[in-house]
């Protein structure tokens, strides 16, 4: 079965990134770096390449296929890009794209750029090499983007209990995956809908109103994985998917972070998924790099550094290299008054 896989992004220009090439792993790509190095922007760029509204080869509508929560398998640019009226202007973004398109079963290219649509700039795919007629369309591929919005404080959310149909039918799968992730033995699962649609596993002595932020984050990641499982069951021409997770380690203790990577690797194999995530976690970076040494094409680490001037990606650096750069202090030359003209 042909599957769609993102292979490379060449960011000619966008925000802090200029002339930056990103190779994407077949399974897992971990993006790390100091604050302000545009880690999340790379996830946003990847999300905007794809849509899941129509199979253009068969002219078949895909809009009826939904995540467990009812959300579509796509990410609106407003969910992860806050467009600056002063700096994010038409022409300020240009990204080259290389991928394998499962629907045409061929290598494909395109560009992503900021154009003005509806009065404000937004990312638009251009020169789609698989398209006929309209070359300005996204590639067909399901995407789930777990942005930092998922970390909205539980105490500030407006939500109520909601029994999602698929979750109700596969409740034990949700509980088992969450227990594996968190090294727990929870026996219940509850879905909620409101400010954020979510689900959590819990025991007899507490419920969805008293879970931790880490448990809620774990629940949303498991919901995303089960949503791809649901899609594969329902869609006979399924060609894989793309899961994007911003700050994947949020609220997860070190052992849970390793469990997460093991679960993701297994689900990547079973569901033909690619996962791209940002993190500041040494555990995630180390573990992914160790896997890269065994399976170079499947696992990639990308460290973004501004230590040498403009932001540059260091592909597949070990944690030792990353730590040395992150902890280095840039010492600027001291100019004394006597040396001034």
Protein backbone atom coordinates (compact mmCIF):
# COMPACT_ATOMS: atom_id res chain seq x y z
CA UNK A 1 0.00 0.00 0.00
CA UNK A 2 1.36 3.41 -0.96
CA UNK A 3 1.64 5.86 1.93
CA UNK A 4 2.22 9.58 2.11
CA UNK A 5 5.42 10.65 3.86
CA UNK A 6 6.94 14.07 4.39
CA UNK A 7 10.67 13.93 3.59
CA UNK A 8 12.24 17.37 3.63
CA UNK A 9 11.48 21.02 4.31
CA UNK A 10 13.75 23.71 2.93
CA UNK A 11 12.86 26.95 4.67
CA UNK A 12 14.30 29.63 2.43
CA UNK A 13 12.89 32.26 4.76
CA UNK A 14 10.37 32.47 7.59
CA UNK A 15 10.81 34.42 10.80
CA UNK A 16 14.12 33.41 12.47
CA UNK A 17 14.78 30.71 9.86
CA UNK A 18 16.72 31.40 6.67
CA UNK A 19 18.26 28.81 4.36
CA UNK A 20 17.35 26.00 6.76
CA UNK A 21 16.96 22.38 5.59
CA UNK A 22 15.03 19.89 7.75
CA UNK A 23 15.12 16.14 7.07
CA UNK A 24 12.06 14.38 8.50
CA UNK A 25 12.28 10.89 10.01
CA UNK A 26 10.09 8.07 8.74
CA UNK A 27 8.79 7.58 12.29
CA UNK A 28 9.88 10.22 14.79
CA UNK A 29 11.43 13.65 14.43
CA UNK A 30 12.36 15.48 17.63
CA UNK A 31 13.00 19.22 17.34
CA UNK A 32 14.82 20.94 20.18
CA UNK A 33 16.63 24.20 20.80
CA UNK A 34 16.70 27.40 22.81
CA UNK A 35 13.66 29.62 23.13
CA UNK A 36 13.01 31.79 20.09
CA UNK A 37 14.65 29.46 17.56
CA UNK A 38 11.33 28.80 15.75
CA UNK A 39 10.80 25.18 16.81
CA UNK A 40 7.01 25.50 16.88
CA UNK A 41 7.07 27.37 13.56
CA UNK A 42 8.47 24.24 11.89
CA UNK A 43 5.53 22.20 13.18
CA UNK A 44 3.18 24.88 11.88
CA UNK A 45 4.80 24.80 8.46
CA UNK A 46 4.43 21.00 8.30
CA UNK A 47 0.75 21.22 9.25
CA UNK A 48 -0.06 23.72 6.51
CA UNK A 49 1.15 21.47 3.69
CA UNK A 50 -1.78 19.08 4.10
CA UNK A 51 -5.55 18.96 4.09
CA UNK A 52 -8.01 16.10 4.37
CA UNK A 53 -11.07 17.28 2.52
CA UNK A 54 -10.87 15.41 -0.79
CA UNK A 55 -9.08 12.63 -2.65
CA UNK A 56 -8.32 14.51 -5.87
CA UNK A 57 -7.41 11.33 -7.76
CA UNK A 58 -10.82 9.67 -7.28
CA UNK A 59 -12.75 12.92 -6.62
CA UNK A 60 -13.96 11.36 -3.34
CA UNK A 61 -14.93 13.63 -0.41
CA UNK A 62 -13.15 12.89 2.87
CA UNK A 63 -14.88 15.43 5.09
CA UNK A 64 -17.04 12.82 6.83
CA UNK A 65 -13.96 11.21 8.40
CA UNK A 66 -13.41 12.77 11.82
CA UNK A 67 -11.32 12.42 14.94
CA UNK A 68 -12.89 10.83 18.03
CA UNK A 69 -13.85 14.30 19.29
CA UNK A 70 -15.50 15.24 15.99
CA UNK A 71 -12.66 17.53 14.87
CA UNK A 72 -11.38 17.37 11.30
CA UNK A 73 -8.01 15.86 10.42
CA UNK A 74 -6.45 19.21 9.62
CA UNK A 75 -5.00 22.22 11.40
CA UNK A 76 -6.01 25.80 10.67
CA UNK A 77 -3.05 28.21 10.53
CA UNK A 78 -4.69 30.33 13.25
CA UNK A 79 -4.28 27.42 15.69
CA UNK A 80 -0.48 27.71 15.70
CA UNK A 81 0.48 30.93 13.89
CA UNK A 82 -0.26 34.32 15.34
CA UNK A 83 0.31 36.43 12.26
CA UNK A 84 2.18 39.69 12.86
CA UNK A 85 0.74 42.56 10.83
CA UNK A 86 4.13 44.25 10.88
CA UNK A 87 6.42 41.34 9.96
CA UNK A 88 4.41 38.39 8.57
CA UNK A 89 3.70 40.01 5.23
CA UNK A 90 3.03 38.40 1.83
CA UNK A 91 6.37 37.16 0.52
CA UNK A 92 7.96 36.83 3.99
CA UNK A 93 7.63 33.03 3.91
CA UNK A 94 9.04 30.67 1.30
CA UNK A 95 9.35 26.96 2.02
CA UNK A 96 10.30 24.15 -0.36
CA UNK A 97 8.57 20.80 0.24
CA UNK A 98 9.61 17.26 -0.69
CA UNK A 99 7.40 14.26 0.05
CA UNK A 100 6.06 10.99 -1.28
CA UNK A 101 2.40 11.33 -2.21
CA UNK A 102 0.47 8.14 -1.50
CA UNK A 103 -2.48 9.05 -3.69
CA UNK A 104 -0.43 9.30 -6.87
CA UNK A 105 2.34 7.04 -5.52
CA UNK A 106 5.06 9.40 -6.71
CA UNK A 107 7.71 11.73 -5.36
CA UNK A 108 6.28 15.24 -5.11
CA UNK A 109 7.35 18.84 -4.57
CA UNK A 110 5.66 22.14 -3.80
CA UNK A 111 6.26 25.45 -2.09
CA UNK A 112 4.51 27.06 0.88
CA UNK A 113 4.32 30.83 1.06
CA UNK A 114 2.41 33.63 2.75
CA UNK A 115 -0.16 35.12 0.40
CA UNK A 116 -2.98 37.51 1.06
CA UNK A 117 -6.35 35.77 1.18
CA UNK A 118 -9.48 37.26 2.69
CA UNK A 119 -7.69 40.47 3.63
CA UNK A 120 -4.91 38.96 5.76
CA UNK A 121 -1.79 36.90 4.97
CA UNK A 122 -2.06 33.12 5.29
CA UNK A 123 0.11 30.14 4.25
CA UNK A 124 -0.75 28.82 0.79
CA UNK A 125 0.66 25.79 -1.05
CA UNK A 126 1.90 26.61 -4.56
CA UNK A 127 3.32 24.53 -7.44
CA UNK A 128 1.94 21.20 -6.22
CA UNK A 129 3.63 18.81 -8.64
CA UNK A 130 0.88 16.18 -8.31
CA UNK A 131 -1.96 18.59 -9.10
CA UNK A 132 -3.61 19.06 -12.46
CA UNK A 133 -5.31 22.33 -13.23
CA UNK A 134 -5.14 24.10 -9.86
CA UNK A 135 -1.52 23.84 -8.67
CA UNK A 136 -2.33 25.82 -5.52
CA UNK A 137 -3.85 23.09 -3.43
CA UNK A 138 -2.69 21.19 -0.39
CA UNK A 139 -1.63 17.56 -0.47
CA UNK A 140 -4.27 15.13 0.80
CA UNK A 141 -3.19 13.73 4.16
CA UNK A 142 -4.74 13.57 7.68
CA UNK A 143 -3.06 15.75 10.31
CA UNK A 144 -3.56 16.08 14.06
CA UNK A 145 -1.79 19.08 15.62
CA UNK A 146 -1.54 19.01 19.43
CA UNK A 147 -0.66 22.63 20.08
CA UNK A 148 0.07 24.29 23.42
CA UNK A 149 -3.64 25.10 23.60
CA UNK A 150 -4.10 21.58 24.98
CA UNK A 151 -2.24 22.73 28.13
CA UNK A 152 -4.94 25.33 28.93
CA UNK A 153 -5.26 25.12 32.74
CA UNK A 154 -7.94 22.63 33.72
CA UNK A 155 -9.27 24.97 36.42
CA UNK A 156 -9.93 27.69 33.83
CA UNK A 157 -11.66 25.49 31.24
CA UNK A 158 -15.36 25.47 30.53
CA UNK A 159 -16.19 21.78 30.03
CA UNK A 160 -18.68 19.03 30.71
CA UNK A 161 -18.63 15.23 30.58
CA UNK A 162 -19.19 13.91 27.06
CA UNK A 163 -19.31 10.29 25.91
CA UNK A 164 -17.63 10.22 22.50
CA UNK A 165 -19.05 7.29 20.56
CA UNK A 166 -15.72 5.73 19.55
CA UNK A 167 -14.27 6.22 23.04
CA UNK A 168 -17.31 4.54 24.53
CA UNK A 169 -16.82 1.51 22.25
CA UNK A 170 -13.02 1.39 22.78
CA UNK A 171 -12.77 2.57 26.37
CA UNK A 172 -10.48 -0.26 27.44
CA UNK A 173 -8.03 0.51 24.60
CA UNK A 174 -7.86 4.10 25.85
CA UNK A 175 -7.33 2.99 29.44
CA UNK A 176 -4.68 0.43 28.51
CA UNK A 177 -2.66 2.92 26.41
CA UNK A 178 -2.83 5.59 29.12
CA UNK A 179 -1.81 3.11 31.80
CA UNK A 180 1.13 1.99 29.66
CA UNK A 181 2.18 5.59 29.18
CA UNK A 182 1.91 6.66 32.82
CA UNK A 183 2.80 3.34 34.55
CA UNK A 184 -0.64 3.41 36.17
CA UNK A 185 -3.50 1.00 36.81
CA UNK A 186 -6.50 3.24 36.18
CA UNK A 187 -9.81 1.55 35.59
CA UNK A 188 -12.06 4.34 34.26
CA UNK A 189 -12.02 6.77 31.34
CA UNK A 190 -14.09 9.94 30.92
CA UNK A 191 -14.39 12.26 27.94
CA UNK A 192 -15.01 16.00 28.24
CA UNK A 193 -16.08 18.66 25.78
CA UNK A 194 -15.90 22.44 26.01
CA UNK A 195 -12.95 24.81 25.83
CA UNK A 196 -10.88 21.77 24.86
CA UNK A 197 -12.13 18.31 23.92
CA UNK A 198 -10.23 15.77 25.97
CA UNK A 199 -10.38 12.44 27.78
CA UNK A 200 -8.60 11.08 30.85
CA UNK A 201 -8.13 7.78 32.64
CA UNK A 202 -8.65 7.76 36.39
CA UNK A 203 -9.31 5.47 39.34
CA UNK A 204 -12.25 4.92 41.68
CA UNK A 205 -11.09 7.54 44.18
CA UNK A 206 -10.98 10.55 41.80
CA UNK A 207 -12.47 11.69 38.48
CA UNK A 208 -11.95 13.99 35.48
CA UNK A 209 -12.23 17.09 37.70
CA UNK A 210 -9.22 16.16 39.81
CA UNK A 211 -6.66 14.81 37.32
CA UNK A 212 -3.25 16.41 36.87
CA UNK A 213 -2.05 18.38 33.84
CA UNK A 214 0.22 15.46 32.92
CA UNK A 215 -2.68 13.00 32.96
CA UNK A 216 -4.69 15.35 30.75
CA UNK A 217 -1.78 15.74 28.31
CA UNK A 218 -1.40 11.96 28.20
CA UNK A 219 -5.12 11.60 27.50
CA UNK A 220 -5.01 14.00 24.56
CA UNK A 221 -2.01 12.22 23.01
CA UNK A 222 -3.77 8.84 23.36
CA UNK A 223 -6.95 10.32 21.86
CA UNK A 224 -4.93 11.44 18.84
CA UNK A 225 -3.42 7.97 18.36
CA UNK A 226 -6.81 6.30 18.65
CA UNK A 227 -8.23 8.82 16.18
CA UNK A 228 -5.74 7.61 13.56
CA UNK A 229 -6.64 4.03 14.48
CA UNK A 230 -10.32 4.93 13.98
CA UNK A 231 -9.53 6.49 10.59
CA UNK A 232 -7.65 3.40 9.42
CA UNK A 233 -10.61 1.21 10.41
CA UNK A 234 -13.16 3.40 8.63
CA UNK A 235 -11.25 4.58 5.54
CA UNK A 236 -10.41 1.77 3.12
CA UNK A 237 -7.86 3.89 1.20
CA UNK A 238 -5.97 5.03 4.30
CA UNK A 239 -2.42 6.17 3.50
CA UNK A 240 -0.99 7.05 6.91
CA UNK A 241 -1.05 10.27 8.87
CA UNK A 242 0.97 13.06 10.49
CA UNK A 243 0.89 13.75 14.25
CA UNK A 244 2.44 17.01 15.45
CA UNK A 245 3.02 17.58 19.18
CA UNK A 246 4.28 20.87 20.61
CA UNK A 247 6.22 20.42 23.89
CA UNK A 248 5.45 16.70 24.01
CA UNK A 249 7.04 16.22 27.44
CA UNK A 250 4.72 18.67 29.23
CA UNK A 251 3.70 17.26 32.59
CA UNK A 252 5.25 13.83 31.93
CA UNK A 253 7.84 12.36 34.28
CA UNK A 254 11.03 10.86 32.73
CA UNK A 255 9.89 7.23 32.59
CA UNK A 256 6.60 8.30 31.01
CA UNK A 257 8.55 10.21 28.35
CA UNK A 258 10.41 7.02 27.37
CA UNK A 259 7.12 5.10 27.43
CA UNK A 260 5.68 7.76 25.11
CA UNK A 261 8.47 7.28 22.56
CA UNK A 262 8.06 3.50 22.66
CA UNK A 263 4.30 3.79 22.17
CA UNK A 264 4.71 6.27 19.33
CA UNK A 265 7.25 4.04 17.56
CA UNK A 266 4.87 1.10 17.77
CA UNK A 267 1.91 3.14 16.51
CA UNK A 268 4.04 4.60 13.69
CA UNK A 269 4.62 1.05 12.46
CA UNK A 270 1.01 -0.06 12.91
CA UNK A 271 -0.65 3.07 11.50
CA UNK A 272 1.98 4.35 9.02
CA UNK A 273 2.28 7.53 11.08
CA UNK A 274 4.96 10.17 11.13
CA UNK A 275 5.36 12.08 14.38
CA UNK A 276 7.10 15.43 14.71
CA UNK A 277 7.47 16.96 18.16
CA UNK A 278 9.20 19.81 19.93
CA UNK A 279 10.76 19.34 23.35
CA UNK A 280 13.26 20.65 25.89
CA UNK A 281 13.58 17.24 27.51
CA UNK A 282 17.06 15.63 27.69
CA UNK A 283 15.30 12.26 28.09
CA UNK A 284 13.42 12.54 24.80
CA UNK A 285 16.46 13.88 22.95
CA UNK A 286 18.79 11.17 24.28
CA UNK A 287 16.38 8.32 23.64
CA UNK A 288 15.56 9.45 20.11
CA UNK A 289 19.26 9.86 19.26
CA UNK A 290 19.96 6.34 20.59
CA UNK A 291 17.24 5.00 18.28
CA UNK A 292 18.68 7.04 15.40
CA UNK A 293 21.99 5.21 15.77
CA UNK A 294 20.13 1.93 15.14
CA UNK A 295 17.58 3.15 12.58
CA UNK A 296 18.93 6.27 10.89
CA UNK A 297 16.02 6.86 8.50
CA UNK A 298 13.28 6.33 11.08
CA UNK A 299 14.47 8.62 13.88
CA UNK A 300 15.77 12.18 13.54
CA UNK A 301 16.84 14.79 16.07
CA UNK A 302 17.08 18.41 14.97
CA UNK A 303 18.75 20.93 17.24
CA UNK A 304 18.22 24.59 16.36
CA UNK A 305 21.05 26.85 17.49
CA UNK A 306 21.75 30.56 17.18
CA UNK A 307 25.22 30.26 18.72
CA UNK A 308 26.90 30.88 15.35
CA UNK A 309 24.75 33.81 14.20
CA UNK A 310 21.48 33.07 12.42
CA UNK A 311 19.49 30.00 13.50
CA UNK A 312 20.90 26.80 12.01
CA UNK A 313 19.70 23.19 12.33
CA UNK A 314 22.17 20.62 13.62
CA UNK A 315 20.84 17.32 12.31
CA UNK A 316 21.17 14.27 14.57
CA UNK A 317 23.31 15.79 17.28
CA UNK A 318 23.76 13.72 20.42
CA UNK A 319 22.55 15.10 23.76
CA UNK A 320 26.18 15.72 24.71
CA UNK A 321 26.58 18.07 21.74
CA UNK A 322 23.23 19.74 22.44
CA UNK A 323 24.01 20.22 26.13
CA UNK A 324 27.40 21.72 25.37
CA UNK A 325 25.82 24.29 23.07
CA UNK A 326 22.80 25.05 25.25
CA UNK A 327 24.92 25.69 28.35
CA UNK A 328 27.60 27.71 26.55
CA UNK A 329 27.62 31.41 27.39
CA UNK A 330 28.25 33.83 24.60
CA UNK A 331 30.83 36.33 25.80
CA UNK A 332 30.79 39.62 23.97
CA UNK A 333 34.05 41.62 23.76
CA UNK A 334 34.36 44.33 26.39
CA UNK A 335 35.11 47.73 24.91
CA UNK A 336 36.78 50.11 27.35
CA UNK A 337 36.31 53.84 27.24
CA UNK A 338 39.98 54.27 26.35
CA UNK A 339 39.54 52.37 23.09
CA UNK A 340 36.56 54.37 21.92
CA UNK A 341 37.26 56.97 19.21
